[in-house]
C-alpha atoms as a PDB file:
ATOM      1  CA  MET A   1    -186.688  30.720  91.764  1.00  0.00           C
ATOM      2  CA  ARG A   2    -188.886  32.872  88.565  1.00  0.00           C
ATOM      3  CA  GLY A   3    -185.925  34.458  87.865  1.00  0.00           C
ATOM      4  CA  LYS A   4    -183.309  31.290  87.899  1.00  0.00           C
ATOM      5  CA  LEU A   5    -185.665  29.579  85.637  1.00  0.00           C
ATOM      6  CA  LEU A   6    -185.540  32.502  83.479  1.00  0.00           C
ATOM      7  CA  VAL A   7    -181.982  32.605  83.273  1.00  0.00           C
ATOM      8  CA  SER A   8    -181.642  28.752  82.018  1.00  0.00           C
ATOM      9  CA  ALA A   9    -183.905  29.219  79.735  1.00  0.00           C
ATOM     10  CA  ILE A  10    -182.190  31.955  78.120  1.00  0.00           C
ATOM     11  CA  VAL A  11    -179.044  30.488  78.627  1.00  0.00           C
ATOM     12  CA  LEU A  12    -180.443  26.756  76.786  1.00  0.00           C
ATOM     13  CA  LEU A  13    -181.443  28.829  74.102  1.00  0.00           C
ATOM     14  CA  ALA A  14    -178.255  30.678  73.296  1.00  0.00           C
ATOM     15  CA  ALA A  15    -176.335  27.354  73.686  1.00  0.00           C
ATOM     16  CA  GLY A  16    -178.902  25.799  70.835  1.00  0.00           C
ATOM     17  CA  THR A  17    -178.569  29.349  68.894  1.00  0.00           C
ATOM     18  CA  LEU A  18    -174.580  28.925  69.040  1.00  0.00           C
ATOM     19  CA  ARG A  19    -175.080  24.865  67.310  1.00  0.00           C
ATOM     20  CA  ALA A  20    -176.771  25.925  64.774  1.00  0.00           C
ATOM     21  CA  GLN A  21    -174.694  29.245  63.860  1.00  0.00           C
ATOM     22  CA  GLN A  22    -171.790  26.392  63.970  1.00  0.00           C
ATOM     23  CA  GLY A  23    -172.975  23.746  61.294  1.00  0.00           C
ATOM     24  CA  PRO A  24    -172.012  20.492  60.278  1.00  0.00           C
ATOM     25  CA  LYS A  25    -168.724  19.580  60.422  1.00  0.00           C
ATOM     26  CA  PHE A  26    -166.807  18.885  57.144  1.00  0.00           C
ATOM     27  CA  ALA A  27    -163.731  16.614  56.043  1.00  0.00           C
ATOM     28  CA  VAL A  28    -162.178  17.342  52.961  1.00  0.00           C
ATOM     29  CA  GLY A  29    -160.053  15.034  50.881  1.00  0.00           C
ATOM     30  CA  GLY A  30    -158.199  14.385  47.948  1.00  0.00           C
ATOM     31  CA  GLY A  31    -156.408  17.162  45.027  1.00  0.00           C
ATOM     32  CA  ASP A  32    -153.004  15.266  45.759  1.00  0.00           C
ATOM     33  CA  PRO A  33    -151.373  13.132  44.302  1.00  0.00           C
ATOM     34  CA  PRO A  34    -153.587  12.988  41.629  1.00  0.00           C
ATOM     35  CA  ASP A  35    -156.264  10.212  41.032  1.00  0.00           C
ATOM     36  CA  ASP A  36    -155.251   7.337  38.965  1.00  0.00           C
ATOM     37  CA  ARG A  37    -157.806   7.555  36.212  1.00  0.00           C
ATOM     38  CA  ALA A  38    -158.052   5.890  32.663  1.00  0.00           C
ATOM     39  CA  SER A  39    -160.509   6.166  29.655  1.00  0.00           C
ATOM     40  CA  ALA A  40    -161.012   3.671  26.974  1.00  0.00           C
ATOM     41  CA  ARG A  41    -162.260   5.870  24.096  1.00  0.00           C
ATOM     42  CA  VAL A  42    -163.092   5.756  20.255  1.00  0.00           C
ATOM     43  CA  LEU A  43    -163.720   8.073  17.949  1.00  0.00           C
ATOM     44  CA  TYR A  44    -165.028   7.759  14.067  1.00  0.00           C
ATOM     45  CA  TRP A  45    -163.358  10.309  11.572  1.00  0.00           C
ATOM     46  CA  ASN A  46    -165.417  10.766   8.543  1.00  0.00           C
ATOM     47  CA  GLU A  47    -163.276  10.732   5.848  1.00  0.00           C
ATOM     48  CA  THR A  48    -164.912  12.312   3.026  1.00  0.00           C
ATOM     49  CA  ALA A  49    -165.741  15.430   4.999  1.00  0.00           C
ATOM     50  CA  ASP A  50    -162.174  14.897   7.087  1.00  0.00           C
ATOM     51  CA  GLU A  51    -163.624  15.598  10.161  1.00  0.00           C
ATOM     52  CA  ALA A  52    -164.921  13.735  13.600  1.00  0.00           C
ATOM     53  CA  ALA A  53    -168.225  11.923  13.281  1.00  0.00           C
ATOM     54  CA  GLY A  54    -168.575  11.034  17.193  1.00  0.00           C
ATOM     55  CA  GLN A  55    -167.172   9.504  19.716  1.00  0.00           C
ATOM     56  CA  ILE A  56    -167.718   7.387  23.007  1.00  0.00           C
ATOM     57  CA  ALA A  57    -165.484   6.691  25.960  1.00  0.00           C
ATOM     58  CA  VAL A  58    -165.658   5.246  28.757  1.00  0.00           C
ATOM     59  CA  ASN A  59    -163.794   7.011  32.085  1.00  0.00           C
ATOM     60  CA  TYR A  60    -162.686   5.205  35.556  1.00  0.00           C
ATOM     61  CA  GLY A  61    -160.602   5.310  38.550  1.00  0.00           C
ATOM     62  CA  ARG A  62    -158.398   2.359  38.479  1.00  0.00           C
ATOM     63  CA  PRO A  63    -158.768   0.279  41.901  1.00  0.00           C
ATOM     64  CA  VAL A  64    -155.984  -2.124  43.254  1.00  0.00           C
ATOM     65  CA  TRP A  65    -156.833  -6.105  43.353  1.00  0.00           C
ATOM     66  CA  HIS A  66    -156.583  -7.487  46.855  1.00  0.00           C
ATOM     67  CA  LYS A  67    -156.094 -10.971  47.707  1.00  0.00           C
ATOM     68  CA  GLU A  68    -158.620 -11.568  50.083  1.00  0.00           C
ATOM     69  CA  TYR A  69    -161.380 -10.714  47.206  1.00  0.00           C
ATOM     70  CA  GLU A  70    -159.910 -13.992  45.890  1.00  0.00           C
ATOM     71  CA  ASP A  71    -161.922 -16.356  48.615  1.00  0.00           C
ATOM     72  CA  PRO A  72    -165.126 -16.482  47.079  1.00  0.00           C
ATOM     73  CA  ALA A  73    -166.868 -15.339  50.347  1.00  0.00           C
ATOM     74  CA  THR A  74    -165.656 -12.484  51.084  1.00  0.00           C
ATOM     75  CA  PHE A  75    -166.172 -11.665  47.285  1.00  0.00           C
ATOM     76  CA  ASP A  76    -169.621 -12.337  47.284  1.00  0.00           C
ATOM     77  CA  SER A  77    -170.782 -10.444  50.359  1.00  0.00           C
ATOM     78  CA  ILE A  78    -169.370  -7.190  48.823  1.00  0.00           C
ATOM     79  CA  THR A  79    -171.146  -8.036  45.373  1.00  0.00           C
ATOM     80  CA  LYS A  80    -174.144 -10.094  45.524  1.00  0.00           C
ATOM     81  CA  GLY A  81    -177.280  -8.068  45.522  1.00  0.00           C
ATOM     82  CA  LYS A  82    -175.295  -4.881  44.798  1.00  0.00           C
ATOM     83  CA  VAL A  83    -174.098  -2.091  43.269  1.00  0.00           C
ATOM     84  CA  TRP A  84    -170.424  -1.698  42.713  1.00  0.00           C
ATOM     85  CA  ARG A  85    -169.040   1.890  41.865  1.00  0.00           C
ATOM     86  CA  MET A  86    -166.918  -0.131  39.339  1.00  0.00           C
ATOM     87  CA  GLY A  87    -163.946   1.943  39.604  1.00  0.00           C
ATOM     88  CA  SER A  88    -162.216   4.473  42.594  1.00  0.00           C
ATOM     89  CA  ASN A  89    -162.348   8.173  43.187  1.00  0.00           C
ATOM     90  CA  PHE A  90    -164.743  10.008  41.351  1.00  0.00           C
ATOM     91  CA  TRP A  91    -167.514   8.734  39.172  1.00  0.00           C
ATOM     92  CA  SER A  92    -167.154   5.942  36.470  1.00  0.00           C
ATOM     93  CA  ASN A  93    -168.784   7.210  33.761  1.00  0.00           C
ATOM     94  CA  LEU A  94    -169.964   6.783  30.451  1.00  0.00           C
ATOM     95  CA  TYR A  95    -170.027   9.719  27.481  1.00  0.00           C
ATOM     96  CA  THR A  96    -171.465   8.956  23.912  1.00  0.00           C
ATOM     97  CA  ASP A  97    -172.284  11.789  21.107  1.00  0.00           C
ATOM     98  CA  LEU A  98    -173.561   8.729  18.978  1.00  0.00           C
ATOM     99  CA  PRO A  99    -176.652   6.625  19.636  1.00  0.00           C
ATOM    100  CA  ILE A 100    -175.369   3.160  20.951  1.00  0.00           C
ATOM    101  CA  THR A 101    -176.532   0.041  22.169  1.00  0.00           C
ATOM    102  CA  ILE A 102    -175.124  -1.838  24.946  1.00  0.00           C
ATOM    103  CA  SER A 103    -176.161  -5.897  24.951  1.00  0.00           C
ATOM    104  CA  GLY A 104    -179.353  -4.819  23.367  1.00  0.00           C
ATOM    105  CA  LYS A 105    -179.877  -2.121  25.151  1.00  0.00           C
ATOM    106  CA  SER A 106    -180.637   1.439  23.719  1.00  0.00           C
ATOM    107  CA  ILE A 107    -179.067   4.475  24.766  1.00  0.00           C
ATOM    108  CA  LYS A 108    -179.481   8.042  23.915  1.00  0.00           C
ATOM    109  CA  PRO A 109    -176.215  10.306  23.536  1.00  0.00           C
ATOM    110  CA  GLY A 110    -175.116  12.218  27.153  1.00  0.00           C
ATOM    111  CA  LEU A 111    -173.332  11.359  30.165  1.00  0.00           C
ATOM    112  CA  TYR A 112    -173.909   8.824  32.607  1.00  0.00           C
ATOM    113  CA  PHE A 113    -172.574   7.357  35.486  1.00  0.00           C
ATOM    114  CA  LEU A 114    -171.795   3.650  36.218  1.00  0.00           C
ATOM    115  CA  GLY A 115    -171.914   1.127  38.300  1.00  0.00           C
ATOM    116  CA  LEU A 116    -171.854  -2.733  38.118  1.00  0.00           C
ATOM    117  CA  GLU A 117    -174.562  -4.531  39.597  1.00  0.00           C
ATOM    118  CA  ARG A 118    -174.689  -8.233  40.615  1.00  0.00           C
ATOM    119  CA  ALA A 119    -177.483 -10.141  40.815  1.00  0.00           C
ATOM    120  CA  ALA A 120    -178.753 -11.576  44.324  1.00  0.00           C
ATOM    121  CA  ASP A 121    -177.954 -15.196  44.003  1.00  0.00           C
ATOM    122  CA  GLY A 122    -174.856 -14.097  41.989  1.00  0.00           C
ATOM    123  CA  SER A 123    -175.809 -15.588  38.901  1.00  0.00           C
ATOM    124  CA  SER A 124    -175.553 -12.449  36.570  1.00  0.00           C
ATOM    125  CA  TRP A 125    -173.725  -8.732  36.155  1.00  0.00           C
ATOM    126  CA  SER A 126    -175.266  -5.698  34.226  1.00  0.00           C
ATOM    127  CA  LEU A 127    -173.898  -2.475  33.739  1.00  0.00           C
ATOM    128  CA  ALA A 128    -175.696  -0.039  36.084  1.00  0.00           C
ATOM    129  CA  PHE A 129    -176.699   3.519  34.051  1.00  0.00           C
ATOM    130  CA  ILE A 130    -177.116   6.331  36.633  1.00  0.00           C
ATOM    131  CA  ASP A 131    -178.302   9.998  35.885  1.00  0.00           C
ATOM    132  CA  PRO A 132    -175.882  12.307  36.667  1.00  0.00           C
ATOM    133  CA  VAL A 133    -178.459  14.899  37.277  1.00  0.00           C
ATOM    134  CA  LYS A 134    -179.838  12.975  39.984  1.00  0.00           C
ATOM    135  CA  ALA A 135    -176.456  12.235  41.546  1.00  0.00           C
ATOM    136  CA  ARG A 136    -175.729  16.107  41.175  1.00  0.00           C
ATOM    137  CA  LYS A 137    -178.703  17.385  43.163  1.00  0.00           C
ATOM    138  CA  ALA A 138    -178.254  15.103  45.826  1.00  0.00           C
ATOM    139  CA  HIS A 139    -174.661  15.725  45.908  1.00  0.00           C
ATOM    140  CA  LEU A 140    -173.723  11.575  45.745  1.00  0.00           C
ATOM    141  CA  ASP A 141    -170.158  10.539  45.750  1.00  0.00           C
ATOM    142  CA  ALA A 142    -169.259   7.677  43.689  1.00  0.00           C
ATOM    143  CA  PHE A 143    -168.699   6.223  47.102  1.00  0.00           C
ATOM    144  CA  GLN A 144    -172.536   6.439  48.113  1.00  0.00           C
ATOM    145  CA  ILE A 145    -173.717   4.472  44.743  1.00  0.00           C
ATOM    146  CA  GLN A 146    -176.097   2.162  47.090  1.00  0.00           C
ATOM    147  CA  ARG A 147    -178.171   5.495  47.682  1.00  0.00           C
ATOM    148  CA  ALA A 148    -178.654   6.488  43.936  1.00  0.00           C
ATOM    149  CA  THR A 149    -181.352   5.171  41.746  1.00  0.00           C
ATOM    150  CA  VAL A 150    -180.281   2.684  38.563  1.00  0.00           C
ATOM    151  CA  GLU A 151    -181.818   4.295  35.977  1.00  0.00           C
ATOM    152  CA  PHE A 152    -181.714   0.863  33.620  1.00  0.00           C
ATOM    153  CA  THR A 153    -179.502  -1.825  33.428  1.00  0.00           C
ATOM    154  CA  ALA A 154    -177.351  -3.711  30.082  1.00  0.00           C
ATOM    155  CA  PRO A 155    -176.567  -7.232  30.615  1.00  0.00           C
ATOM    156  CA  MET A 156    -172.769  -8.075  30.487  1.00  0.00           C
ATOM    157  CA  SER A 157    -171.404 -11.793  30.181  1.00  0.00           C
ATOM    158  CA  ALA A 158    -169.093 -13.239  32.153  1.00  0.00           C
ATOM    159  CA  GLU A 159    -165.870 -15.002  30.507  1.00  0.00           C
ATOM    160  CA  ALA A 160    -163.007 -17.312  31.970  1.00  0.00           C
ATOM    161  CA  ALA A 161    -160.425 -15.425  33.668  1.00  0.00           C
ATOM    162  CA  GLY A 162    -156.384 -16.413  33.688  1.00  0.00           C
ATOM    163  CA  SER A 163    -154.599 -17.926  36.300  1.00  0.00           C
ATOM    164  CA  ASN A 164    -153.110 -14.389  37.234  1.00  0.00           C
ATOM    165  CA  ALA A 165    -155.344 -11.633  38.552  1.00  0.00           C
ATOM    166  CA  VAL A 166    -155.972  -8.521  36.521  1.00  0.00           C
ATOM    167  CA  GLU A 167    -153.530  -5.940  39.370  1.00  0.00           C
ATOM    168  CA  LYS A 168    -155.424  -2.711  38.664  1.00  0.00           C
ATOM    169  CA  LEU A 169    -159.245  -2.330  36.640  1.00  0.00           C
ATOM    170  CA  THR A 170    -158.452  -2.699  33.179  1.00  0.00           C
ATOM    171  CA  ILE A 171    -161.590  -1.596  30.677  1.00  0.00           C
ATOM    172  CA  VAL A 172    -161.374  -1.301  27.658  1.00  0.00           C
ATOM    173  CA  LEU A 173    -163.254  -0.831  23.617  1.00  0.00           C
ATOM    174  CA  THR A 174    -161.933  -3.842  21.506  1.00  0.00           C
ATOM    175  CA  GLY A 175    -162.883  -5.382  18.164  1.00  0.00           C
ATOM    176  CA  LEU A 176    -161.754  -2.392  15.987  1.00  0.00           C
ATOM    177  CA  GLU A 177    -159.640  -4.480  13.494  1.00  0.00           C
ATOM    178  CA  ASN A 178    -162.766  -6.447  12.557  1.00  0.00           C
ATOM    179  CA  ASP A 179    -164.661  -5.664   8.851  1.00  0.00           C
ATOM    180  CA  ASN A 180    -167.416  -4.172  11.299  1.00  0.00           C
ATOM    181  CA  PRO A 181    -166.061  -1.037  12.950  1.00  0.00           C
ATOM    182  CA  LYS A 182    -169.311  -0.190  13.918  1.00  0.00           C
ATOM    183  CA  SER A 183    -169.572  -2.970  15.924  1.00  0.00           C
ATOM    184  CA  VAL A 184    -167.646  -3.336  19.087  1.00  0.00           C
ATOM    185  CA  THR A 185    -167.014  -4.830  22.633  1.00  0.00           C
ATOM    186  CA  LEU A 186    -167.094  -3.058  26.083  1.00  0.00           C
ATOM    187  CA  LYS A 187    -164.490  -5.571  28.047  1.00  0.00           C
ATOM    188  CA  ILE A 188    -164.056  -4.922  32.177  1.00  0.00           C
ATOM    189  CA  SER A 189    -161.169  -7.461  33.853  1.00  0.00           C
ATOM    190  CA  TRP A 190    -160.101  -6.631  37.271  1.00  0.00           C
ATOM    191  CA  GLY A 191    -158.164  -9.719  40.002  1.00  0.00           C
ATOM    192  CA  HIS A 192    -160.159 -12.886  38.031  1.00  0.00           C
ATOM    193  CA  LEU A 193    -163.622 -10.986  37.291  1.00  0.00           C
ATOM    194  CA  VAL A 194    -163.627 -10.601  33.477  1.00  0.00           C
ATOM    195  CA  LEU A 195    -166.927  -9.690  31.983  1.00  0.00           C
ATOM    196  CA  SER A 196    -167.746  -8.024  28.114  1.00  0.00           C
ATOM    197  CA  ALA A 197    -170.606  -6.551  26.222  1.00  0.00           C
ATOM    198  CA  PRO A 198    -171.695  -6.198  22.726  1.00  0.00           C
ATOM    199  CA  VAL A 199    -171.209  -2.356  21.753  1.00  0.00           C
ATOM    200  CA  LYS A 200    -173.235  -1.403  18.895  1.00  0.00           C
ATOM    201  CA  VAL A 201    -172.272   2.104  17.175  1.00  0.00           C
ATOM    202  CA  ALA A 202    -174.904   4.285  15.054  1.00  0.00           C
ATOM    203  CA  VAL A 203    -172.170   6.333  13.106  1.00  0.00           C
ATOM    204  CA  GLU A 204    -174.202   7.987  10.237  1.00  0.00           C
ATOM    205  CA  SER A 205    -171.449   7.979   7.343  1.00  0.00           C
ATOM    206  CA  ASN A 206    -170.492   5.007   5.426  1.00  0.00           C
ATOM    207  CA  ARG A 207    -167.171   7.070   5.306  1.00  0.00           C
ATOM    208  CA  SER A 208    -166.483   6.839   9.149  1.00  0.00           C
ATOM    209  CA  VAL A 209    -163.372   4.889  10.010  1.00  0.00           C
ATOM    210  CA  PRO A 210    -162.411   4.309  13.261  1.00  0.00           C
ATOM    211  CA  HIS A 211    -159.321   6.932  14.119  1.00  0.00           C
ATOM    212  CA  PRO A 212    -156.233   6.565  16.090  1.00  0.00           C
ATOM    213  CA  LEU A 213    -155.948   8.221  18.910  1.00  0.00           C
END
């Protein structure tokens, strides 16, 4: 009897060791076809020195708007009190090598992962900034944005949407044609959702102007 117990213990130990050696199973996705991504970018050019004076860019995937999102109850269930990834596939992100402010919130030069946060009562929206270093350390995909720590937010204003839904997420930086090219507007359009925020760019030289891209 003692011998049988010893053999059973060895078998169980061996099975546990084998499972440990096998490790977790992985599923792999992506790579082909290429992701549908876009970029809204402003480059400032110093005409006196004839060189770049800085730039800001928002890079993002372009999810398609679905008809079922037009049901208010459905849309509320996936957005109220949550942080939306504001894109598809790889993280949407903001790159700036200039100090900027968005809706009065000061933002230092650097790279930030982005999301879009909606208040629990649905009354307001904010751009959510996530530290990419922390997200990388935790191996977080943008699909897991609910697990990411939002470092800070910048309010966005809701605008009246047109009757036709915007099929794919579209982010633009507008207003560069005005007399103050250091003051632009970040605009997000998706389906019937239209949000905007003022952006102030602290470009140094008075001879720096937006450069055609």
